[in-house]
Amino acid sequence: NRLSVIGDIAAREQASAVLRSLYARLEQGRSVVAGDIDGAMRMGRPM
């Protein structure tokens, strides 16, 4: 039940934030499709 994100620190933090965001979206009962992932990556900032 774990995901390991490997890469340089900036990309790793941003990708981790994307994954957290998409998981939170699923917790709300909403879907995750390619467009949602693209939107999360475009709008994403490390958190």
PDB file of all heavy atoms in Angstrom:
ATOM      1  N   ASN A   1       0.830  -1.209   0.000  1.00  0.00           N
ATOM      2  CA  ASN A   1       0.000   0.000   0.000  1.00  0.00           C
ATOM      3  C   ASN A   1       0.871   1.267   0.000  1.00  0.00           C
ATOM      4  O   ASN A   1       0.430   2.330   0.407  1.00  0.00           O
ATOM      5  CB  ASN A   1      -0.935   0.011   1.213  1.00  0.00           C
ATOM      6  CG  ASN A   1      -0.184   0.160   2.518  1.00  0.00           C
ATOM      7  OD1 ASN A   1       0.977  -0.231   2.612  1.00  0.00           O
ATOM      8  ND2 ASN A   1      -0.840   0.713   3.527  1.00  0.00           N
ATOM      9  N   ARG A   2       2.105   1.127  -0.454  1.00  0.00           N
ATOM     10  CA  ARG A   2       3.018   2.257  -0.538  1.00  0.00           C
ATOM     11  C   ARG A   2       3.471   2.484  -1.972  1.00  0.00           C
ATOM     12  O   ARG A   2       3.596   1.551  -2.750  1.00  0.00           O
ATOM     13  CB  ARG A   2       4.244   2.010   0.350  1.00  0.00           C
ATOM     14  CG  ARG A   2       3.926   1.900   1.841  1.00  0.00           C
ATOM     15  CD  ARG A   2       5.178   1.635   2.629  1.00  0.00           C
ATOM     16  NE  ARG A   2       4.899   1.521   4.057  1.00  0.00           N
ATOM     17  CZ  ARG A   2       5.823   1.295   4.978  1.00  0.00           C
ATOM     18  NH1 ARG A   2       7.100   1.144   4.614  1.00  0.00           N
ATOM     19  NH2 ARG A   2       5.491   1.209   6.250  1.00  0.00           N
ATOM     20  N   LEU A   3       3.740   3.763  -2.265  1.00  0.00           N
ATOM     21  CA  LEU A   3       4.340   4.141  -3.535  1.00  0.00           C
ATOM     22  C   LEU A   3       5.651   4.841  -3.245  1.00  0.00           C
ATOM     23  O   LEU A   3       5.700   5.762  -2.419  1.00  0.00           O
ATOM     24  CB  LEU A   3       3.421   5.082  -4.323  1.00  0.00           C
ATOM     25  CG  LEU A   3       2.086   4.507  -4.808  1.00  0.00           C
ATOM     26  CD1 LEU A   3       1.292   5.578  -5.544  1.00  0.00           C
ATOM     27  CD2 LEU A   3       2.290   3.301  -5.720  1.00  0.00           C
ATOM     28  N   SER A   4       6.706   4.394  -3.897  1.00  0.00           N
ATOM     29  CA  SER A   4       8.006   5.041  -3.769  1.00  0.00           C
ATOM     30  C   SER A   4       8.253   5.891  -5.007  1.00  0.00           C
ATOM     31  O   SER A   4       8.223   5.381  -6.138  1.00  0.00           O
ATOM     32  CB  SER A   4       9.118   4.000  -3.620  1.00  0.00           C
ATOM     33  OG  SER A   4       8.970   3.295  -2.406  1.00  0.00           O
ATOM     34  N   VAL A   5       8.482   7.168  -4.794  1.00  0.00           N
ATOM     35  CA  VAL A   5       8.747   8.097  -5.893  1.00  0.00           C
ATOM     36  C   VAL A   5      10.241   8.369  -5.931  1.00  0.00           C
ATOM     37  O   VAL A   5      10.825   8.837  -4.949  1.00  0.00           O
ATOM     38  CB  VAL A   5       7.968   9.412  -5.708  1.00  0.00           C
ATOM     39  CG1 VAL A   5       8.186  10.334  -6.905  1.00  0.00           C
ATOM     40  CG2 VAL A   5       6.477   9.134  -5.512  1.00  0.00           C
ATOM     41  N   ILE A   6      10.871   8.071  -7.064  1.00  0.00           N
ATOM     42  CA  ILE A   6      12.326   8.175  -7.199  1.00  0.00           C
ATOM     43  C   ILE A   6      12.661   9.228  -8.244  1.00  0.00           C
ATOM     44  O   ILE A   6      12.099   9.232  -9.351  1.00  0.00           O
ATOM     45  CB  ILE A   6      12.927   6.820  -7.615  1.00  0.00           C
ATOM     46  CG1 ILE A   6      12.573   5.748  -6.579  1.00  0.00           C
ATOM     47  CG2 ILE A   6      14.431   6.924  -7.790  1.00  0.00           C
ATOM     48  CD1 ILE A   6      12.926   4.349  -7.009  1.00  0.00           C
ATOM     49  N   GLY A   7      13.569  10.128  -7.901  1.00  0.00           N
ATOM     50  CA  GLY A   7      13.990  11.157  -8.845  1.00  0.00           C
ATOM     51  C   GLY A   7      14.678  12.280  -8.111  1.00  0.00           C
ATOM     52  O   GLY A   7      14.933  12.196  -6.912  1.00  0.00           O
ATOM     53  N   ASP A   8      14.970  13.383  -8.844  1.00  0.00           N
ATOM     54  CA  ASP A   8      15.592  14.519  -8.173  1.00  0.00           C
ATOM     55  C   ASP A   8      14.574  15.178  -7.257  1.00  0.00           C
ATOM     56  O   ASP A   8      13.363  14.982  -7.392  1.00  0.00           O
ATOM     57  CB  ASP A   8      16.174  15.510  -9.189  1.00  0.00           C
ATOM     58  CG  ASP A   8      15.099  16.202 -10.008  1.00  0.00           C
ATOM     59  OD1 ASP A   8      14.325  16.980  -9.426  1.00  0.00           O
ATOM     60  OD2 ASP A   8      15.022  15.960 -11.225  1.00  0.00           O
ATOM     61  N   ILE A   9      15.032  15.994  -6.337  1.00  0.00           N
ATOM     62  CA  ILE A   9      14.183  16.455  -5.247  1.00  0.00           C
ATOM     63  C   ILE A   9      12.978  17.262  -5.722  1.00  0.00           C
ATOM     64  O   ILE A   9      11.856  17.076  -5.232  1.00  0.00           O
ATOM     65  CB  ILE A   9      15.007  17.262  -4.208  1.00  0.00           C
ATOM     66  CG1 ILE A   9      14.129  17.607  -3.001  1.00  0.00           C
ATOM     67  CG2 ILE A   9      15.648  18.499  -4.839  1.00  0.00           C
ATOM     68  CD1 ILE A   9      14.918  18.115  -1.821  1.00  0.00           C
ATOM     69  N   ALA A  10      13.166  18.143  -6.705  1.00  0.00           N
ATOM     70  CA  ALA A  10      12.055  18.983  -7.161  1.00  0.00           C
ATOM     71  C   ALA A  10      10.969  18.141  -7.827  1.00  0.00           C
ATOM     72  O   ALA A  10       9.781  18.265  -7.506  1.00  0.00           O
ATOM     73  CB  ALA A  10      12.562  20.054  -8.124  1.00  0.00           C
ATOM     74  N   ALA A  11      11.382  17.262  -8.761  1.00  0.00           N
ATOM     75  CA  ALA A  11      10.407  16.410  -9.447  1.00  0.00           C
ATOM     76  C   ALA A  11       9.741  15.456  -8.475  1.00  0.00           C
ATOM     77  O   ALA A  11       8.540  15.168  -8.580  1.00  0.00           O
ATOM     78  CB  ALA A  11      11.099  15.637 -10.571  1.00  0.00           C
ATOM     79  N   ARG A  12      10.523  14.965  -7.518  1.00  0.00           N
ATOM     80  CA  ARG A  12       9.998  14.012  -6.547  1.00  0.00           C
ATOM     81  C   ARG A  12       8.921  14.664  -5.664  1.00  0.00           C
ATOM     82  O   ARG A  12       7.863  14.096  -5.426  1.00  0.00           O
ATOM     83  CB  ARG A  12      11.144  13.499  -5.677  1.00  0.00           C
ATOM     84  CG  ARG A  12      10.850  12.209  -4.946  1.00  0.00           C
ATOM     85  CD  ARG A  12      12.098  11.657  -4.289  1.00  0.00           C
ATOM     86  NE  ARG A  12      12.524  12.434  -3.150  1.00  0.00           N
ATOM     87  CZ  ARG A  12      13.647  13.123  -3.072  1.00  0.00           C
ATOM     88  NH1 ARG A  12      14.480  13.137  -4.099  1.00  0.00           N
ATOM     89  NH2 ARG A  12      13.964  13.804  -1.989  1.00  0.00           N
ATOM     90  N   GLU A  13       9.186  15.872  -5.211  1.00  0.00           N
ATOM     91  CA  GLU A  13       8.210  16.563  -4.372  1.00  0.00           C
ATOM     92  C   GLU A  13       6.935  16.883  -5.145  1.00  0.00           C
ATOM     93  O   GLU A  13       5.831  16.743  -4.635  1.00  0.00           O
ATOM     94  CB  GLU A  13       8.828  17.853  -3.823  1.00  0.00           C
ATOM     95  CG  GLU A  13       9.860  17.620  -2.730  1.00  0.00           C
ATOM     96  CD  GLU A  13      10.406  18.926  -2.181  1.00  0.00           C
ATOM     97  OE1 GLU A  13       9.998  19.997  -2.687  1.00  0.00           O
ATOM     98  OE2 GLU A  13      11.223  18.869  -1.253  1.00  0.00           O
ATOM     99  N   GLN A  14       7.115  17.300  -6.387  1.00  0.00           N
ATOM    100  CA  GLN A  14       5.941  17.661  -7.183  1.00  0.00           C
ATOM    101  C   GLN A  14       5.111  16.419  -7.507  1.00  0.00           C
ATOM    102  O   GLN A  14       3.879  16.438  -7.411  1.00  0.00           O
ATOM    103  CB  GLN A  14       6.367  18.374  -8.461  1.00  0.00           C
ATOM    104  CG  GLN A  14       5.202  19.075  -9.154  1.00  0.00           C
ATOM    105  CD  GLN A  14       5.671  19.969 -10.279  1.00  0.00           C
ATOM    106  OE1 GLN A  14       6.696  19.697 -10.897  1.00  0.00           O
ATOM    107  NE2 GLN A  14       4.937  21.024 -10.564  1.00  0.00           N
ATOM    108  N   ALA A  15       5.777  15.328  -7.889  1.00  0.00           N
ATOM    109  CA  ALA A  15       5.048  14.095  -8.196  1.00  0.00           C
ATOM    110  C   ALA A  15       4.351  13.550  -6.951  1.00  0.00           C
ATOM    111  O   ALA A  15       3.228  13.036  -7.026  1.00  0.00           O
ATOM    112  CB  ALA A  15       6.009  13.052  -8.772  1.00  0.00           C
ATOM    113  N   SER A  16       5.002  13.655  -5.807  1.00  0.00           N
ATOM    114  CA  SER A  16       4.392  13.198  -4.561  1.00  0.00           C
ATOM    115  C   SER A  16       3.144  14.005  -4.251  1.00  0.00           C
ATOM    116  O   SER A  16       2.116  13.467  -3.813  1.00  0.00           O
ATOM    117  CB  SER A  16       5.391  13.321  -3.405  1.00  0.00           C
ATOM    118  OG  SER A  16       6.519  12.502  -3.629  1.00  0.00           O
ATOM    119  N   ALA A  17       3.215  15.317  -4.489  1.00  0.00           N
ATOM    120  CA  ALA A  17       2.052  16.170  -4.255  1.00  0.00           C
ATOM    121  C   ALA A  17       0.910  15.816  -5.201  1.00  0.00           C
ATOM    122  O   ALA A  17      -0.261  15.821  -4.817  1.00  0.00           O
ATOM    123  CB  ALA A  17       2.445  17.634  -4.405  1.00  0.00           C
ATOM    124  N   VAL A  18       1.257  15.491  -6.446  1.00  0.00           N
ATOM    125  CA  VAL A  18       0.234  15.066  -7.405  1.00  0.00           C
ATOM    126  C   VAL A  18      -0.462  13.802  -6.911  1.00  0.00           C
ATOM    127  O   VAL A  18      -1.693  13.691  -6.924  1.00  0.00           O
ATOM    128  CB  VAL A  18       0.863  14.823  -8.794  1.00  0.00           C
ATOM    129  CG1 VAL A  18      -0.111  14.104  -9.717  1.00  0.00           C
ATOM    130  CG2 VAL A  18       1.292  16.131  -9.426  1.00  0.00           C
ATOM    131  N   LEU A  19       0.310  12.832  -6.482  1.00  0.00           N
ATOM    132  CA  LEU A  19      -0.265  11.565  -6.011  1.00  0.00           C
ATOM    133  C   LEU A  19      -1.138  11.776  -4.785  1.00  0.00           C
ATOM    134  O   LEU A  19      -2.224  11.190  -4.671  1.00  0.00           O
ATOM    135  CB  LEU A  19       0.858  10.573  -5.717  1.00  0.00           C
ATOM    136  CG  LEU A  19       1.604  10.041  -6.954  1.00  0.00           C
ATOM    137  CD1 LEU A  19       2.918   9.380  -6.555  1.00  0.00           C
ATOM    138  CD2 LEU A  19       0.720   9.061  -7.730  1.00  0.00           C
ATOM    139  N   ARG A  20      -0.698  12.617  -3.839  1.00  0.00           N
ATOM    140  CA  ARG A  20      -1.518  12.896  -2.664  1.00  0.00           C
ATOM    141  C   ARG A  20      -2.840  13.565  -3.066  1.00  0.00           C
ATOM    142  O   ARG A  20      -3.907  13.238  -2.559  1.00  0.00           O
ATOM    143  CB  ARG A  20      -0.761  13.823  -1.705  1.00  0.00           C
ATOM    144  CG  ARG A  20       0.425  13.194  -1.001  1.00  0.00           C
ATOM    145  CD  ARG A  20       0.888  14.130   0.110  1.00  0.00           C
ATOM    146  NE  ARG A  20       2.132  13.663   0.707  1.00  0.00           N
ATOM    147  CZ  ARG A  20       3.330  14.126   0.384  1.00  0.00           C
ATOM    148  NH1 ARG A  20       3.454  15.029  -0.559  1.00  0.00           N
ATOM    149  NH2 ARG A  20       4.405  13.662   0.994  1.00  0.00           N
ATOM    150  N   SER A  21      -2.723  14.516  -3.968  1.00  0.00           N
ATOM    151  CA  SER A  21      -3.908  15.237  -4.425  1.00  0.00           C
ATOM    152  C   SER A  21      -4.921  14.311  -5.085  1.00  0.00           C
ATOM    153  O   SER A  21      -6.127  14.377  -4.830  1.00  0.00           O
ATOM    154  CB  SER A  21      -3.469  16.324  -5.401  1.00  0.00           C
ATOM    155  OG  SER A  21      -4.405  16.548  -6.393  1.00  0.00           O
ATOM    156  N   LEU A  22      -4.438  13.422  -5.945  1.00  0.00           N
ATOM    157  CA  LEU A  22      -5.338  12.508  -6.654  1.00  0.00           C
ATOM    158  C   LEU A  22      -5.962  11.504  -5.696  1.00  0.00           C
ATOM    159  O   LEU A  22      -7.140  11.133  -5.846  1.00  0.00           O
ATOM    160  CB  LEU A  22      -4.567  11.786  -7.770  1.00  0.00           C
ATOM    161  CG  LEU A  22      -4.038  12.698  -8.889  1.00  0.00           C
ATOM    162  CD1 LEU A  22      -3.160  11.906  -9.848  1.00  0.00           C
ATOM    163  CD2 LEU A  22      -5.197  13.357  -9.654  1.00  0.00           C
ATOM    164  N   TYR A  23      -5.210  11.067  -4.712  1.00  0.00           N
ATOM    165  CA  TYR A  23      -5.761  10.151  -3.713  1.00  0.00           C
ATOM    166  C   TYR A  23      -6.857  10.855  -2.896  1.00  0.00           C
ATOM    167  O   TYR A  23      -7.919  10.280  -2.618  1.00  0.00           O
ATOM    168  CB  TYR A  23      -4.654   9.644  -2.786  1.00  0.00           C
ATOM    169  CG  TYR A  23      -5.113   8.607  -1.793  1.00  0.00           C
ATOM    170  CD1 TYR A  23      -5.197   7.259  -2.147  1.00  0.00           C
ATOM    171  CD2 TYR A  23      -5.489   8.973  -0.502  1.00  0.00           C
ATOM    172  CE1 TYR A  23      -5.633   6.306  -1.234  1.00  0.00           C
ATOM    173  CE2 TYR A  23      -5.922   8.029   0.417  1.00  0.00           C
ATOM    174  CZ  TYR A  23      -5.990   6.694   0.043  1.00  0.00           C
ATOM    175  OH  TYR A  23      -6.422   5.754   0.945  1.00  0.00           O
ATOM    176  N   ALA A  24      -6.609  12.110  -2.529  1.00  0.00           N
ATOM    177  CA  ALA A  24      -7.610  12.883  -1.796  1.00  0.00           C
ATOM    178  C   ALA A  24      -8.875  13.049  -2.636  1.00  0.00           C
ATOM    179  O   ALA A  24      -9.991  13.020  -2.116  1.00  0.00           O
ATOM    180  CB  ALA A  24      -7.036  14.250  -1.420  1.00  0.00           C
ATOM    181  N   ARG A  25      -8.691  13.211  -3.926  1.00  0.00           N
ATOM    182  CA  ARG A  25      -9.833  13.310  -4.837  1.00  0.00           C
ATOM    183  C   ARG A  25     -10.655  12.023  -4.805  1.00  0.00           C
ATOM    184  O   ARG A  25     -11.887  12.051  -4.759  1.00  0.00           O
ATOM    185  CB  ARG A  25      -9.296  13.583  -6.244  1.00  0.00           C
ATOM    186  CG  ARG A  25     -10.341  13.754  -7.330  1.00  0.00           C
ATOM    187  CD  ARG A  25      -9.677  13.886  -8.692  1.00  0.00           C
ATOM    188  NE  ARG A  25     -10.678  14.021  -9.732  1.00  0.00           N
ATOM    189  CZ  ARG A  25     -11.141  15.182 -10.159  1.00  0.00           C
ATOM    190  NH1 ARG A  25     -10.678  16.314  -9.658  1.00  0.00           N
ATOM    191  NH2 ARG A  25     -12.064  15.230 -11.113  1.00  0.00           N
ATOM    192  N   LEU A  26      -9.974  10.877  -4.817  1.00  0.00           N
ATOM    193  CA  LEU A  26     -10.659   9.584  -4.747  1.00  0.00           C
ATOM    194  C   LEU A  26     -11.383   9.421  -3.412  1.00  0.00           C
ATOM    195  O   LEU A  26     -12.468   8.844  -3.349  1.00  0.00           O
ATOM    196  CB  LEU A  26      -9.663   8.452  -4.960  1.00  0.00           C
ATOM    197  CG  LEU A  26      -9.106   8.308  -6.384  1.00  0.00           C
ATOM    198  CD1 LEU A  26      -7.876   7.407  -6.386  1.00  0.00           C
ATOM    199  CD2 LEU A  26     -10.171   7.753  -7.328  1.00  0.00           C
ATOM    200  N   GLU A  27     -10.795   9.932  -2.329  1.00  0.00           N
ATOM    201  CA  GLU A  27     -11.442   9.854  -1.025  1.00  0.00           C
ATOM    202  C   GLU A  27     -12.765  10.617  -0.999  1.00  0.00           C
ATOM    203  O   GLU A  27     -13.670  10.285  -0.232  1.00  0.00           O
ATOM    204  CB  GLU A  27     -10.516  10.400   0.056  1.00  0.00           C
ATOM    205  CG  GLU A  27      -9.375   9.458   0.432  1.00  0.00           C
ATOM    206  CD  GLU A  27      -8.580   9.964   1.610  1.00  0.00           C
ATOM    207  OE1 GLU A  27      -8.227  11.166   1.610  1.00  0.00           O
ATOM    208  OE2 GLU A  27      -8.321   9.169   2.529  1.00  0.00           O
ATOM    209  N   GLN A  28     -12.867  11.621  -1.840  1.00  0.00           N
ATOM    210  CA  GLN A  28     -14.103  12.398  -1.935  1.00  0.00           C
ATOM    211  C   GLN A  28     -15.159  11.697  -2.790  1.00  0.00           C
ATOM    212  O   GLN A  28     -16.261  12.212  -2.951  1.00  0.00           O
ATOM    213  CB  GLN A  28     -13.827  13.764  -2.554  1.00  0.00           C
ATOM    214  CG  GLN A  28     -13.021  14.697  -1.667  1.00  0.00           C
ATOM    215  CD  GLN A  28     -12.846  16.041  -2.337  1.00  0.00           C
ATOM    216  OE1 GLN A  28     -12.237  16.142  -3.407  1.00  0.00           O
ATOM    217  NE2 GLN A  28     -13.389  17.073  -1.726  1.00  0.00           N
ATOM    218  N   GLY A  29     -14.804  10.553  -3.356  1.00  0.00           N
ATOM    219  CA  GLY A  29     -15.734   9.844  -4.219  1.00  0.00           C
ATOM    220  C   GLY A  29     -15.710  10.314  -5.655  1.00  0.00           C
ATOM    221  O   GLY A  29     -16.608   9.988  -6.436  1.00  0.00           O
ATOM    222  N   ARG A  30     -14.693  11.056  -6.021  1.00  0.00           N
ATOM    223  CA  ARG A  30     -14.584  11.551  -7.396  1.00  0.00           C
ATOM    224  C   ARG A  30     -13.645  10.659  -8.191  1.00  0.00           C
ATOM    225  O   ARG A  30     -12.829   9.931  -7.638  1.00  0.00           O
ATOM    226  CB  ARG A  30     -14.084  12.994  -7.379  1.00  0.00           C
ATOM    227  CG  ARG A  30     -15.034  13.920  -6.638  1.00  0.00           C
ATOM    228  CD  ARG A  30     -14.349  15.153  -6.114  1.00  0.00           C
ATOM    229  NE  ARG A  30     -13.997  16.063  -7.193  1.00  0.00           N
ATOM    230  CZ  ARG A  30     -13.250  17.150  -7.001  1.00  0.00           C
ATOM    231  NH1 ARG A  30     -12.760  17.422  -5.815  1.00  0.00           N
ATOM    232  NH2 ARG A  30     -12.980  17.938  -8.007  1.00  0.00           N
ATOM    233  N   SER A  31     -13.767  10.737  -9.502  1.00  0.00           N
ATOM    234  CA  SER A  31     -12.978   9.864 -10.368  1.00  0.00           C
ATOM    235  C   SER A  31     -11.605  10.475 -10.632  1.00  0.00           C
ATOM    236  O   SER A  31     -11.366  11.662 -10.393  1.00  0.00           O
ATOM    237  CB  SER A  31     -13.704   9.650 -11.696  1.00  0.00           C
ATOM    238  OG  SER A  31     -13.825  10.888 -12.390  1.00  0.00           O
ATOM    239  N   VAL A  32     -10.706   9.641 -11.146  1.00  0.00           N
ATOM    240  CA  VAL A  32      -9.393  10.101 -11.608  1.00  0.00           C
ATOM    241  C   VAL A  32      -9.187   9.546 -13.002  1.00  0.00           C
ATOM    242  O   VAL A  32      -9.081   8.331 -13.191  1.00  0.00           O
ATOM    243  CB  VAL A  32      -8.251   9.638 -10.670  1.00  0.00           C
ATOM    244  CG1 VAL A  32      -6.895   9.879 -11.324  1.00  0.00           C
ATOM    245  CG2 VAL A  32      -8.321  10.381  -9.339  1.00  0.00           C
ATOM    246  N   VAL A  33      -9.179  10.432 -13.980  1.00  0.00           N
ATOM    247  CA  VAL A  33      -8.930  10.041 -15.369  1.00  0.00           C
ATOM    248  C   VAL A  33      -7.728  10.829 -15.872  1.00  0.00           C
ATOM    249  O   VAL A  33      -7.176  11.681 -15.159  1.00  0.00           O
ATOM    250  CB  VAL A  33     -10.166  10.300 -16.264  1.00  0.00           C
ATOM    251  CG1 VAL A  33     -11.340   9.442 -15.814  1.00  0.00           C
ATOM    252  CG2 VAL A  33     -10.568  11.775 -16.238  1.00  0.00           C
ATOM    253  N   ALA A  34      -7.331  10.548 -17.110  1.00  0.00           N
ATOM    254  CA  ALA A  34      -6.113  11.166 -17.652  1.00  0.00           C
ATOM    255  C   ALA A  34      -6.159  12.681 -17.576  1.00  0.00           C
ATOM    256  O   ALA A  34      -5.160  13.332 -17.245  1.00  0.00           O
ATOM    257  CB  ALA A  34      -5.897  10.712 -19.093  1.00  0.00           C
ATOM    258  N   GLY A  35      -7.325  13.273 -17.868  1.00  0.00           N
ATOM    259  CA  GLY A  35      -7.446  14.728 -17.822  1.00  0.00           C
ATOM    260  C   GLY A  35      -7.261  15.288 -16.428  1.00  0.00           C
ATOM    261  O   GLY A  35      -6.684  16.364 -16.250  1.00  0.00           O
ATOM    262  N   ASP A  36      -7.737  14.551 -15.408  1.00  0.00           N
ATOM    263  CA  ASP A  36      -7.569  15.006 -14.029  1.00  0.00           C
ATOM    264  C   ASP A  36      -6.098  14.979 -13.630  1.00  0.00           C
ATOM    265  O   ASP A  36      -5.615  15.868 -12.922  1.00  0.00           O
ATOM    266  CB  ASP A  36      -8.378  14.114 -13.076  1.00  0.00           C
ATOM    267  CG  ASP A  36      -9.857  14.109 -13.401  1.00  0.00           C
ATOM    268  OD1 ASP A  36     -10.393  15.190 -13.706  1.00  0.00           O
ATOM    269  OD2 ASP A  36     -10.471  13.026 -13.370  1.00  0.00           O
ATOM    270  N   ILE A  37      -5.389  13.948 -14.085  1.00  0.00           N
ATOM    271  CA  ILE A  37      -3.959  13.844 -13.791  1.00  0.00           C
ATOM    272  C   ILE A  37      -3.205  14.983 -14.469  1.00  0.00           C
ATOM    273  O   ILE A  37      -2.350  15.631 -13.866  1.00  0.00           O
ATOM    274  CB  ILE A  37      -3.411  12.477 -14.248  1.00  0.00           C
ATOM    275  CG1 ILE A  37      -4.132  11.345 -13.512  1.00  0.00           C
ATOM    276  CG2 ILE A  37      -1.909  12.380 -14.005  1.00  0.00           C
ATOM    277  CD1 ILE A  37      -3.885   9.969 -14.092  1.00  0.00           C
ATOM    278  N   ASP A  38      -3.548  15.238 -15.727  1.00  0.00           N
ATOM    279  CA  ASP A  38      -2.908  16.323 -16.463  1.00  0.00           C
ATOM    280  C   ASP A  38      -3.155  17.656 -15.763  1.00  0.00           C
ATOM    281  O   ASP A  38      -2.244  18.474 -15.611  1.00  0.00           O
ATOM    282  CB  ASP A  38      -3.455  16.361 -17.892  1.00  0.00           C
ATOM    283  CG  ASP A  38      -2.812  17.454 -18.721  1.00  0.00           C
ATOM    284  OD1 ASP A  38      -1.592  17.370 -18.963  1.00  0.00           O
ATOM    285  OD2 ASP A  38      -3.526  18.393 -19.129  1.00  0.00           O
ATOM    286  N   GLY A  39      -4.393  17.871 -15.310  1.00  0.00           N
ATOM    287  CA  GLY A  39      -4.711  19.106 -14.604  1.00  0.00           C
ATOM    288  C   GLY A  39      -3.938  19.240 -13.309  1.00  0.00           C
ATOM    289  O   GLY A  39      -3.430  20.321 -12.982  1.00  0.00           O
ATOM    290  N   ALA A  40      -3.826  18.140 -12.556  1.00  0.00           N
ATOM    291  CA  ALA A  40      -3.081  18.172 -11.294  1.00  0.00           C
ATOM    292  C   ALA A  40      -1.609  18.504 -11.539  1.00  0.00           C
ATOM    293  O   ALA A  40      -1.002  19.269 -10.782  1.00  0.00           O
ATOM    294  CB  ALA A  40      -3.207  16.827 -10.578  1.00  0.00           C
ATOM    295  N   MET A  41      -1.038  17.953 -12.599  1.00  0.00           N
ATOM    296  CA  MET A  41       0.370  18.223 -12.890  1.00  0.00           C
ATOM    297  C   MET A  41       0.581  19.658 -13.355  1.00  0.00           C
ATOM    298  O   MET A  41       1.575  20.292 -13.010  1.00  0.00           O
ATOM    299  CB  MET A  41       0.885  17.232 -13.942  1.00  0.00           C
ATOM    300  CG  MET A  41       1.055  15.830 -13.386  1.00  0.00           C
ATOM    301  SD  MET A  41       1.854  14.688 -14.527  1.00  0.00           S
ATOM    302  CE  MET A  41       0.554  14.439 -15.723  1.00  0.00           C
ATOM    303  N   ARG A  42      -0.363  20.188 -14.135  1.00  0.00           N
ATOM    304  CA  ARG A  42      -0.230  21.564 -14.607  1.00  0.00           C
ATOM    305  C   ARG A  42      -0.369  22.566 -13.464  1.00  0.00           C
ATOM    306  O   ARG A  42       0.316  23.577 -13.423  1.00  0.00           O
ATOM    307  CB  ARG A  42      -1.300  21.876 -15.655  1.00  0.00           C
ATOM    308  CG  ARG A  42      -1.098  21.206 -17.011  1.00  0.00           C
ATOM    309  CD  ARG A  42      -2.334  21.446 -17.865  1.00  0.00           C
ATOM    310  NE  ARG A  42      -2.302  20.760 -19.135  1.00  0.00           N
ATOM    311  CZ  ARG A  42      -2.058  21.360 -20.303  1.00  0.00           C
ATOM    312  NH1 ARG A  42      -1.787  22.646 -20.334  1.00  0.00           N
ATOM    313  NH2 ARG A  42      -2.070  20.672 -21.419  1.00  0.00           N
ATOM    314  N   MET A  43      -1.305  22.276 -12.544  1.00  0.00           N
ATOM    315  CA  MET A  43      -1.609  23.223 -11.477  1.00  0.00           C
ATOM    316  C   MET A  43      -0.770  22.991 -10.237  1.00  0.00           C
ATOM    317  O   MET A  43      -0.837  23.741  -9.285  1.00  0.00           O
ATOM    318  CB  MET A  43      -3.090  23.102 -11.083  1.00  0.00           C
ATOM    319  CG  MET A  43      -4.058  23.390 -12.202  1.00  0.00           C
ATOM    320  SD  MET A  43      -4.074  25.127 -12.680  1.00  0.00           S
ATOM    321  CE  MET A  43      -4.784  25.858 -11.215  1.00  0.00           C
ATOM    322  N   GLY A  44       0.010  21.904 -10.225  1.00  0.00           N
ATOM    323  CA  GLY A  44       0.640  21.449  -8.992  1.00  0.00           C
ATOM    324  C   GLY A  44       1.771  22.314  -8.491  1.00  0.00           C
ATOM    325  O   GLY A  44       2.530  22.902  -9.235  1.00  0.00           O
ATOM    326  N   ARG A  45       1.842  22.354  -7.177  1.00  0.00           N
ATOM    327  CA  ARG A  45       2.973  22.971  -6.496  1.00  0.00           C
ATOM    328  C   ARG A  45       3.370  22.061  -5.345  1.00  0.00           C
ATOM    329  O   ARG A  45       2.500  21.466  -4.710  1.00  0.00           O
ATOM    330  CB  ARG A  45       2.599  24.349  -5.962  1.00  0.00           C
ATOM    331  CG  ARG A  45       2.259  25.329  -7.081  1.00  0.00           C
ATOM    332  CD  ARG A  45       1.668  26.590  -6.508  1.00  0.00           C
ATOM    333  NE  ARG A  45       1.312  27.502  -7.581  1.00  0.00           N
ATOM    334  CZ  ARG A  45       0.178  27.440  -8.260  1.00  0.00           C
ATOM    335  NH1 ARG A  45      -0.694  26.495  -7.982  1.00  0.00           N
ATOM    336  NH2 ARG A  45      -0.090  28.303  -9.207  1.00  0.00           N
ATOM    337  N   PRO A  46       4.643  21.949  -5.016  1.00  0.00           N
ATOM    338  CA  PRO A  46       5.049  21.099  -3.900  1.00  0.00           C
ATOM    339  C   PRO A  46       4.361  21.527  -2.617  1.00  0.00           C
ATOM    340  O   PRO A  46       4.170  22.701  -2.366  1.00  0.00           O
ATOM    341  CB  PRO A  46       6.565  21.339  -3.811  1.00  0.00           C
ATOM    342  CG  PRO A  46       6.949  21.818  -5.157  1.00  0.00           C
ATOM    343  CD  PRO A  46       5.783  22.576  -5.682  1.00  0.00           C
ATOM    344  N   MET A  47       3.979  20.551  -1.794  1.00  0.00           N
ATOM    345  CA  MET A  47       3.395  20.867  -0.505  1.00  0.00           C
ATOM    346  C   MET A  47       4.015  19.971   0.549  1.00  0.00           C
ATOM    347  O   MET A  47       4.557  18.911   0.241  1.00  0.00           O
ATOM    348  CB  MET A  47       1.869  20.710  -0.542  1.00  0.00           C
ATOM    349  CG  MET A  47       1.361  19.299  -0.730  1.00  0.00           C
ATOM    350  SD  MET A  47      -0.425  19.304  -0.871  1.00  0.00           S
ATOM    351  CE  MET A  47      -0.786  17.598  -0.486  1.00  0.00           C
TER     352      MET A  47
END
